[in-house]
Structures are given as structure tokens and as C-alpha cells.
Amino acid sequence: MAIVKSNDAEMEVQDGEPIIDVCEELGVCFGCQAGNCGACLTNVTDGMENLSEYSEQEKMFGVEGKERLICQCIIKSGEVTLDI
């Protein structure tokens, strides 16, 4: 099991699964859920190495550094902390 954290909350996710559903429960705002609108752009404060590589949508959107479009992320394992 992997863990997604934000502020004082955390939720478990199966290794290798998208994190969109638990992030919605943690308070991430979503729009298109396809990587086109940028509504779910979030900073990853810890555990970036535990997420999938940038998707083509993120690359086209210009996401870089510790930013991620949460709708595009899959957690490989471990923990990820988001700045929501």
C-alpha cells in the first residue's frame, strides 16, 4: 500500500494506482480530469520519486520541478506529500 498525504490527512492507495480519487477526498480541485485544464496543478513537497514520470499532457502543459497535474499521477509505492 502507498500513502498520499496532505496537511494533516493521509489516505492509502494501492501501489501502481492513479491517485486522483484519494486526492479528490483530500481536497484537490479537478476540472477536466484529462490533463488539459490545469485545475489540479499541485506541488509535491515530498516523494516525487514515488510518482510516475511526467505524462505527455503534463509536458505539453509545461509542468516542471515539483509541480504535477494530479489527474495524471500514478503512485508507484511509498509516500507522497502534496501541498494542497
Protein backbone atom coordinates (compact mmCIF):
# COMPACT_ATOMS: atom_id res chain seq x y z
CA MET A 1 0.00 0.00 0.00
CA ALA A 2 1.14 3.51 -0.82
CA ILE A 3 0.18 6.65 1.11
CA VAL A 4 -0.82 10.11 -0.14
CA LYS A 5 -0.55 12.88 2.46
CA SER A 6 -1.80 16.44 2.58
CA ASN A 7 -1.78 18.78 5.56
CA ASP A 8 -2.94 16.61 8.47
CA ALA A 9 -4.68 13.93 6.39
CA GLU A 10 -3.44 10.82 4.67
CA MET A 11 -5.03 8.09 2.58
CA GLU A 12 -3.90 4.71 1.34
CA VAL A 13 -3.68 3.80 -2.33
CA GLN A 14 -2.76 0.50 -3.97
CA ASP A 15 0.77 0.53 -5.42
CA GLY A 16 0.63 1.30 -9.15
CA GLU A 17 -2.76 3.03 -9.00
CA PRO A 18 -3.80 6.58 -10.03
CA ILE A 19 -4.10 8.95 -7.07
CA ILE A 20 -6.97 11.05 -8.46
CA ASP A 21 -9.72 9.53 -6.30
CA VAL A 22 -7.96 9.89 -2.95
CA CYS A 23 -6.74 13.36 -3.87
CA GLU A 24 -10.30 14.46 -4.53
CA GLU A 25 -11.15 13.34 -0.99
CA LEU A 26 -8.11 15.26 0.30
CA GLY A 27 -9.33 18.48 -1.33
CA VAL A 28 -7.63 18.72 -4.72
CA CYS A 29 -9.82 20.66 -7.16
CA PHE A 30 -10.42 18.93 -10.50
CA GLY A 31 -11.83 20.12 -13.80
CA CYS A 32 -11.40 18.06 -16.97
CA GLN A 33 -9.50 15.16 -15.31
CA ALA A 34 -7.62 14.65 -18.58
CA GLY A 35 -4.58 16.92 -18.11
CA ASN A 36 -5.91 19.75 -20.26
CA CYS A 37 -7.24 22.41 -17.85
CA GLY A 38 -4.62 22.63 -15.08
CA ALA A 39 -7.17 22.83 -12.25
CA CYS A 40 -5.41 20.04 -10.33
CA LEU A 41 -1.90 21.52 -10.62
CA THR A 42 -0.31 20.81 -7.23
CA ASN A 43 3.14 20.99 -5.66
CA VAL A 44 4.61 17.73 -4.42
CA THR A 45 6.53 18.58 -1.24
CA ASP A 46 7.90 15.08 -0.65
CA GLY A 47 8.02 11.77 -2.50
CA MET A 48 8.16 12.96 -6.12
CA GLU A 49 10.30 9.89 -6.88
CA ASN A 50 7.34 7.69 -5.89
CA LEU A 51 5.15 9.05 -8.69
CA SER A 52 5.03 8.07 -12.35
CA GLU A 53 7.06 10.03 -14.89
CA TYR A 54 5.52 13.21 -16.32
CA SER A 55 2.74 12.34 -18.78
CA GLU A 56 2.60 13.78 -22.29
CA GLN A 57 -0.24 16.04 -21.10
CA GLU A 58 1.95 17.40 -18.29
CA LYS A 59 4.82 18.00 -20.69
CA MET A 60 2.54 19.87 -23.11
CA PHE A 61 1.12 21.89 -20.20
CA GLY A 62 4.67 22.91 -19.19
CA VAL A 63 4.64 21.27 -15.76
CA GLU A 64 8.12 21.16 -14.19
CA GLY A 65 10.02 20.99 -10.93
CA LYS A 66 7.83 19.76 -8.09
CA GLU A 67 4.58 20.55 -9.90
CA ARG A 68 2.24 17.79 -11.05
CA LEU A 69 -1.18 17.53 -12.60
CA ILE A 70 -2.68 15.16 -10.05
CA CYS A 71 -5.12 13.69 -12.58
CA GLN A 72 -2.09 12.32 -14.44
CA CYS A 73 -0.22 10.76 -11.49
CA ILE A 74 0.19 7.12 -10.61
CA ILE A 75 1.87 6.28 -7.32
CA LYS A 76 4.47 3.54 -7.69
CA SER A 77 4.85 2.86 -3.96
CA GLY A 78 5.85 4.62 -0.75
CA GLU A 79 4.57 8.02 0.36
CA VAL A 80 3.78 11.27 -1.42
CA THR A 81 3.03 14.56 0.31
CA LEU A 82 1.06 17.24 -1.55
CA ASP A 83 0.79 20.97 -0.87
CA ILE A 84 -2.97 21.42 -1.15
